[in-house]
């Protein structure tokens, strides 16, 4: 136990150090900053969730003492707790019951439920961080509006034809709409990052031989249907004032993102064994990269249909990584 505690402390300090290097304001520093959750995730999945909790606590304490209590709290909410929580869920399992008796096999937490938790975790963490950094909601809205307006003006300066005919009032209205969508945009990015962290951390632990659960069939990932109620909750909250509305918009963006990931998984699943599968999937990813938001919207719609219908290839098709 002492050894595991030491590993947790080292991982937490490494994560805090990766957060701290962002003050260098270089591309390398930004890349290291984005990898900050990985040490906590790795120890949570490779040793135990308790070790991950030690890492989260030690990293938070280190940043609170070295920088400021607010910086430590932001690290706890945005990096440490999400990494620990997802690592904890990834290793949840129970003995499989067959015919009223337990077998020697384990039933592991489904990847679809884990993906749903990624969306919820991203939404909650995002809104809490915004509250910590902005204070009241009016200040947050004003800051986002000013940022959106500055970005629009920069784009117009780069391509004057885009701003032809736009008046000052038009810019204000566009900035207002962009500000309203900001929680969804940020939640989409954070959801994709958390998904990547979970995959990369699990791969590192698997390569080290410490991953307790077998590698899942990712192409078979499917959200539970009850997770779709989150879309209803998000839509209802999105019209509410203040941070409740921001959380609703963020939840819609995060759930749309995991639905897009389910759409990708369904395409991987349904193309198994078909000729031309590899070129088709490569073309799909190139299309996603080039069209960005449009492709994600189409994939999210496909993922929603897949989640509602539950139609996948027959179970007898052997899973392929």
Protein backbone atom coordinates (compact mmCIF):
# COMPACT_ATOMS: atom_id res chain seq x y z
CA UNK A 1 0.00 0.00 0.00
CA UNK A 2 2.87 2.40 0.81
CA UNK A 3 4.43 1.62 -2.56
CA UNK A 4 1.16 2.33 -4.34
CA UNK A 5 0.81 5.61 -2.43
CA UNK A 6 4.30 6.63 -3.57
CA UNK A 7 3.41 5.85 -7.19
CA UNK A 8 0.26 7.93 -6.83
CA UNK A 9 2.19 10.89 -5.44
CA UNK A 10 4.74 10.72 -8.28
CA UNK A 11 1.95 10.53 -10.89
CA UNK A 12 0.14 13.47 -9.33
CA UNK A 13 3.29 15.59 -9.28
CA UNK A 14 3.99 14.66 -12.92
CA UNK A 15 0.46 15.71 -13.88
CA UNK A 16 0.81 19.01 -12.00
CA UNK A 17 4.17 19.64 -13.70
CA UNK A 18 2.59 19.10 -17.13
CA UNK A 19 -0.07 21.66 -16.22
CA UNK A 20 2.58 24.09 -14.99
CA UNK A 21 4.64 24.11 -18.19
CA UNK A 22 1.85 25.87 -20.10
CA UNK A 23 3.22 29.21 -18.80
CA UNK A 24 6.06 28.76 -21.30
CA UNK A 25 3.51 29.49 -24.07
CA UNK A 26 5.23 27.30 -26.68
CA UNK A 27 3.70 24.58 -28.89
CA UNK A 28 5.63 21.92 -26.96
CA UNK A 29 4.38 23.32 -23.64
CA UNK A 30 0.79 23.23 -24.94
CA UNK A 31 1.21 19.62 -26.07
CA UNK A 32 2.57 18.63 -22.65
CA UNK A 33 -0.25 20.54 -20.95
CA UNK A 34 -2.83 18.54 -22.92
CA UNK A 35 -1.26 15.28 -21.68
CA UNK A 36 -1.66 16.22 -18.00
CA UNK A 37 -4.56 13.80 -17.19
CA UNK A 38 -2.66 10.76 -18.48
CA UNK A 39 -0.43 10.06 -15.43
CA UNK A 40 -3.50 9.98 -13.16
CA UNK A 41 -5.45 7.79 -15.55
CA UNK A 42 -2.53 5.40 -15.96
CA UNK A 43 -2.05 4.81 -12.24
CA UNK A 44 -5.81 4.58 -11.67
CA UNK A 45 -6.11 1.81 -14.26
CA UNK A 46 -2.72 0.19 -13.75
CA UNK A 47 -2.67 0.05 -9.96
CA UNK A 48 -6.02 0.96 -8.41
CA UNK A 49 -8.52 3.77 -8.25
CA UNK A 50 -7.21 4.55 -4.75
CA UNK A 51 -3.77 5.16 -6.24
CA UNK A 52 -5.42 7.43 -8.80
CA UNK A 53 -7.14 9.31 -6.00
CA UNK A 54 -3.77 9.81 -4.27
CA UNK A 55 -2.40 11.15 -7.57
CA UNK A 56 -5.34 13.55 -7.92
CA UNK A 57 -4.90 14.82 -4.36
CA UNK A 58 -1.11 15.22 -4.56
CA UNK A 59 -1.26 17.06 -7.89
CA UNK A 60 -3.95 19.39 -6.57
CA UNK A 61 -1.99 20.13 -3.40
CA UNK A 62 1.21 20.75 -5.36
CA UNK A 63 -0.42 23.29 -7.67
CA UNK A 64 -2.28 24.96 -4.79
CA UNK A 65 1.01 25.48 -2.94
CA UNK A 66 3.18 26.33 -5.95
CA UNK A 67 0.71 28.56 -7.80
CA UNK A 68 -2.53 29.41 -5.98
CA UNK A 69 -5.45 27.63 -4.30
CA UNK A 70 -7.69 28.60 -7.25
CA UNK A 71 -5.21 27.05 -9.70
CA UNK A 72 -5.17 23.88 -7.63
CA UNK A 73 -8.97 23.78 -7.51
CA UNK A 74 -9.20 24.27 -11.28
CA UNK A 75 -6.74 21.39 -11.76
CA UNK A 76 -8.80 19.19 -9.45
CA UNK A 77 -12.04 19.86 -11.35
CA UNK A 78 -10.77 19.92 -14.93
CA UNK A 79 -8.00 17.30 -14.85
CA UNK A 80 -7.61 15.23 -11.69
CA UNK A 81 -11.15 14.20 -10.81
CA UNK A 82 -12.27 13.44 -14.41
CA UNK A 83 -9.16 11.26 -14.93
CA UNK A 84 -9.64 9.43 -11.62
CA UNK A 85 -13.39 8.95 -12.17
CA UNK A 86 -13.04 7.51 -15.68
CA UNK A 87 -10.19 5.25 -14.54
CA UNK A 88 -12.39 4.02 -11.69
CA UNK A 89 -15.33 3.27 -14.03
CA UNK A 90 -13.10 1.53 -16.57
CA UNK A 91 -12.10 -1.09 -13.99
CA UNK A 92 -15.55 -1.71 -12.54
CA UNK A 93 -16.42 -5.39 -12.84
CA UNK A 94 -18.35 -8.19 -11.21
CA UNK A 95 -18.35 -11.98 -11.47
CA UNK A 96 -20.55 -13.20 -14.27
CA UNK A 97 -23.61 -15.11 -13.04
CA UNK A 98 -24.85 -18.06 -15.08
CA UNK A 99 -27.70 -20.28 -13.98
CA UNK A 100 -27.76 -18.78 -10.50
CA UNK A 101 -24.08 -19.53 -9.86
CA UNK A 102 -21.04 -17.35 -10.38
CA UNK A 103 -18.53 -18.40 -12.99
CA UNK A 104 -14.84 -17.63 -13.05
CA UNK A 105 -15.35 -14.93 -15.70
CA UNK A 106 -15.74 -11.22 -15.02
CA UNK A 107 -18.36 -8.91 -16.45
CA UNK A 108 -16.72 -5.54 -17.06
CA UNK A 109 -18.29 -2.09 -17.22
CA UNK A 110 -19.62 -1.68 -20.77
CA UNK A 111 -17.76 0.73 -23.02
CA UNK A 112 -21.05 2.34 -24.10
CA UNK A 113 -21.87 3.35 -20.52
CA UNK A 114 -18.30 4.53 -20.08
CA UNK A 115 -18.68 6.72 -23.17
CA UNK A 116 -21.89 8.19 -21.77
CA UNK A 117 -20.06 9.05 -18.54
CA UNK A 118 -17.33 10.74 -20.58
CA UNK A 119 -19.97 13.15 -21.94
CA UNK A 120 -21.51 13.83 -18.52
CA UNK A 121 -18.09 14.27 -16.90
CA UNK A 122 -16.95 16.68 -19.61
CA UNK A 123 -20.12 18.79 -19.26
CA UNK A 124 -19.97 19.04 -15.47
CA UNK A 125 -16.22 19.74 -15.35
CA UNK A 126 -16.51 22.39 -18.06
CA UNK A 127 -19.28 24.34 -16.36
CA UNK A 128 -17.60 24.18 -12.93
CA UNK A 129 -14.32 25.46 -14.41
CA UNK A 130 -16.18 28.30 -16.15
CA UNK A 131 -17.85 29.20 -12.84
CA UNK A 132 -14.51 29.19 -11.05
CA UNK A 133 -12.79 31.33 -13.67
CA UNK A 134 -15.61 33.78 -14.44
CA UNK A 135 -17.60 34.17 -11.26
CA UNK A 136 -21.09 35.35 -12.19
CA UNK A 137 -22.73 34.31 -15.45
CA UNK A 138 -22.98 37.85 -16.81
CA UNK A 139 -19.19 38.25 -16.64
CA UNK A 140 -18.74 34.91 -18.42
CA UNK A 141 -21.14 35.91 -21.21
CA UNK A 142 -19.46 39.28 -21.67
CA UNK A 143 -16.03 37.67 -21.93
CA UNK A 144 -17.18 35.07 -24.46
CA UNK A 145 -18.98 37.72 -26.53
CA UNK A 146 -15.84 39.86 -26.66
CA UNK A 147 -13.76 36.83 -27.64
CA UNK A 148 -16.22 35.81 -30.36
CA UNK A 149 -16.31 39.37 -31.69
CA UNK A 150 -12.51 39.56 -31.81
CA UNK A 151 -12.36 36.27 -33.71
CA UNK A 152 -14.95 37.46 -36.23
CA UNK A 153 -13.09 40.74 -36.79
CA UNK A 154 -9.83 38.84 -37.30
CA UNK A 155 -11.47 36.58 -39.90
CA UNK A 156 -12.89 39.61 -41.71
CA UNK A 157 -9.45 41.24 -41.77
CA UNK A 158 -7.94 38.04 -43.21
CA UNK A 159 -10.71 37.69 -45.82
CA UNK A 160 -12.49 41.04 -46.33
CA UNK A 161 -15.02 39.47 -48.71
CA UNK A 162 -16.52 37.56 -45.78
CA UNK A 163 -17.41 40.78 -44.03
CA UNK A 164 -18.86 42.54 -47.05
CA UNK A 165 -22.17 44.12 -46.12
CA UNK A 166 -21.87 43.33 -42.42
CA UNK A 167 -22.84 46.16 -40.12
CA UNK A 168 -21.83 46.63 -36.49
CA UNK A 169 -25.21 45.31 -35.34
CA UNK A 170 -24.74 42.21 -37.50
CA UNK A 171 -21.38 41.50 -35.87
CA UNK A 172 -22.96 41.89 -32.44
CA UNK A 173 -25.76 39.42 -33.29
CA UNK A 174 -23.32 36.85 -34.70
CA UNK A 175 -21.07 37.20 -31.67
CA UNK A 176 -24.12 36.67 -29.42
CA UNK A 177 -25.01 33.44 -31.23
CA UNK A 178 -21.44 32.17 -31.11
CA UNK A 179 -21.34 32.96 -27.39
CA UNK A 180 -24.53 30.97 -26.90
CA UNK A 181 -22.98 27.95 -28.63
CA UNK A 182 -19.63 28.28 -26.82
CA UNK A 183 -20.46 25.71 -24.08
CA UNK A 184 -21.33 23.11 -26.73
CA UNK A 185 -18.16 23.82 -28.71
CA UNK A 186 -15.96 23.59 -25.61
CA UNK A 187 -17.77 20.46 -24.40
CA UNK A 188 -17.23 18.81 -27.79
CA UNK A 189 -13.49 19.43 -27.57
CA UNK A 190 -13.28 18.28 -23.95
CA UNK A 191 -15.28 15.12 -24.68
CA UNK A 192 -12.97 14.19 -27.53
CA UNK A 193 -9.93 14.84 -25.32
CA UNK A 194 -11.28 12.72 -22.45
CA UNK A 195 -12.06 9.90 -24.86
CA UNK A 196 -8.53 10.06 -26.21
CA UNK A 197 -7.05 10.13 -22.70
CA UNK A 198 -9.06 7.06 -21.73
CA UNK A 199 -7.97 5.14 -24.82
CA UNK A 200 -4.31 6.21 -24.61
CA UNK A 201 -4.08 5.54 -20.87
CA UNK A 202 -5.63 2.09 -21.26
CA UNK A 203 -3.22 1.28 -24.11
CA UNK A 204 -0.21 2.26 -22.01
CA UNK A 205 -1.44 0.12 -19.11
CA UNK A 206 -2.21 -2.78 -21.45
CA UNK A 207 1.29 -2.64 -22.97
CA UNK A 208 2.76 -2.70 -19.47
CA UNK A 209 0.74 -5.83 -18.71
CA UNK A 210 -1.15 -4.23 -15.80
CA UNK A 211 -4.58 -3.81 -17.40
CA UNK A 212 -6.96 -6.00 -15.40
CA UNK A 213 -9.75 -6.19 -17.97
CA UNK A 214 -9.34 -7.59 -21.48
CA UNK A 215 -9.20 -5.06 -24.29
CA UNK A 216 -12.80 -4.38 -25.33
CA UNK A 217 -14.26 -4.66 -28.81
CA UNK A 218 -14.45 -0.91 -29.44
CA UNK A 219 -16.41 -1.32 -32.67
CA UNK A 220 -19.23 -2.88 -30.64
CA UNK A 221 -19.52 0.22 -28.42
CA UNK A 222 -23.13 1.32 -28.07
CA UNK A 223 -24.63 3.87 -25.70
CA UNK A 224 -27.45 2.62 -23.47
CA UNK A 225 -30.79 3.95 -24.69
CA UNK A 226 -31.50 5.65 -21.39
CA UNK A 227 -28.43 7.85 -21.99
CA UNK A 228 -30.45 9.52 -24.76
CA UNK A 229 -32.63 11.09 -22.07
CA UNK A 230 -29.62 13.32 -21.54
CA UNK A 231 -30.51 15.01 -24.84
CA UNK A 232 -33.97 15.80 -23.50
CA UNK A 233 -32.52 17.09 -20.22
CA UNK A 234 -29.93 19.16 -22.08
CA UNK A 235 -32.56 20.67 -24.39
CA UNK A 236 -34.80 21.54 -21.43
CA UNK A 237 -31.95 23.12 -19.47
CA UNK A 238 -30.57 25.03 -22.47
CA UNK A 239 -33.41 27.57 -22.28
CA UNK A 240 -32.82 28.17 -18.56
CA UNK A 241 -30.99 31.32 -17.47
CA UNK A 242 -27.50 31.42 -16.02
CA UNK A 243 -25.16 28.49 -15.67
CA UNK A 244 -28.04 25.99 -15.78
CA UNK A 245 -28.57 26.97 -19.41
CA UNK A 246 -24.83 26.77 -20.11
CA UNK A 247 -24.78 23.26 -18.65
CA UNK A 248 -27.71 22.24 -20.86
CA UNK A 249 -25.93 23.50 -23.99
CA UNK A 250 -22.69 21.79 -22.90
CA UNK A 251 -24.54 18.52 -22.29
CA UNK A 252 -26.10 18.66 -25.75
CA UNK A 253 -22.68 19.23 -27.31
CA UNK A 254 -21.00 16.45 -25.30
CA UNK A 255 -23.74 13.89 -25.98
CA UNK A 256 -23.76 14.78 -29.68
CA UNK A 257 -20.02 14.12 -29.71
CA UNK A 258 -20.32 10.65 -28.14
CA UNK A 259 -23.17 9.89 -30.55
CA UNK A 260 -20.79 10.79 -33.38
CA UNK A 261 -18.25 8.38 -31.87
CA UNK A 262 -20.96 5.72 -31.73
CA UNK A 263 -21.65 6.44 -35.39
CA UNK A 264 -17.98 5.78 -36.15
CA UNK A 265 -18.08 2.58 -34.10
CA UNK A 266 -21.21 1.41 -35.95
CA UNK A 267 -19.51 1.97 -39.31
CA UNK A 268 -16.50 -0.01 -38.12
CA UNK A 269 -18.81 -2.74 -36.88
CA UNK A 270 -21.02 -3.00 -39.96
CA UNK A 271 -18.08 -2.99 -42.38
CA UNK A 272 -16.39 -6.05 -40.83
CA UNK A 273 -15.52 -8.66 -43.40
CA UNK A 274 -16.58 -6.49 -46.34
CA UNK A 275 -14.27 -5.89 -49.31
CA UNK A 276 -12.70 -2.46 -49.43
CA UNK A 277 -13.21 -1.91 -45.71
CA UNK A 278 -9.82 -0.33 -45.04
CA UNK A 279 -9.92 2.23 -47.91
CA UNK A 280 -13.51 3.09 -46.97
CA UNK A 281 -12.58 3.76 -43.34
CA UNK A 282 -9.49 5.78 -44.33
CA UNK A 283 -11.66 7.86 -46.65
CA UNK A 284 -14.18 8.35 -43.85
CA UNK A 285 -11.55 9.68 -41.45
CA UNK A 286 -10.11 11.98 -44.13
CA UNK A 287 -13.63 13.29 -44.76
CA UNK A 288 -14.16 13.87 -41.03
CA UNK A 289 -10.87 15.78 -40.84
CA UNK A 290 -11.61 17.95 -43.88
CA UNK A 291 -15.25 18.77 -43.15
CA UNK A 292 -14.96 18.77 -39.33
CA UNK A 293 -18.28 19.98 -37.91
CA UNK A 294 -20.42 18.85 -40.85
CA UNK A 295 -19.11 15.28 -40.71
CA UNK A 296 -19.51 15.16 -36.92
CA UNK A 297 -23.13 16.30 -37.25
CA UNK A 298 -23.85 13.57 -39.81
CA UNK A 299 -22.11 10.94 -37.68
CA UNK A 300 -24.03 12.09 -34.59
CA UNK A 301 -27.32 11.66 -36.47
CA UNK A 302 -26.23 8.20 -37.64
CA UNK A 303 -25.16 7.34 -34.09
CA UNK A 304 -28.54 8.50 -32.75
CA UNK A 305 -30.38 6.25 -35.20
CA UNK A 306 -28.06 3.36 -34.29
CA UNK A 307 -28.67 3.93 -30.56
CA UNK A 308 -32.45 4.09 -31.01
CA UNK A 309 -32.73 1.03 -33.25
CA UNK A 310 -29.91 -1.04 -31.75
CA UNK A 311 -29.31 -2.61 -35.16
CA UNK A 312 -25.84 -4.05 -35.55
CA UNK A 313 -24.27 -6.95 -37.38
CA UNK A 314 -25.13 -10.48 -36.22
CA UNK A 315 -23.43 -11.60 -33.02
CA UNK A 316 -21.77 -14.58 -34.71
CA UNK A 317 -19.44 -12.30 -36.69
CA UNK A 318 -16.07 -12.63 -34.92
CA UNK A 319 -14.91 -9.35 -33.37
CA UNK A 320 -11.97 -7.66 -35.02
CA UNK A 321 -9.87 -5.04 -33.24
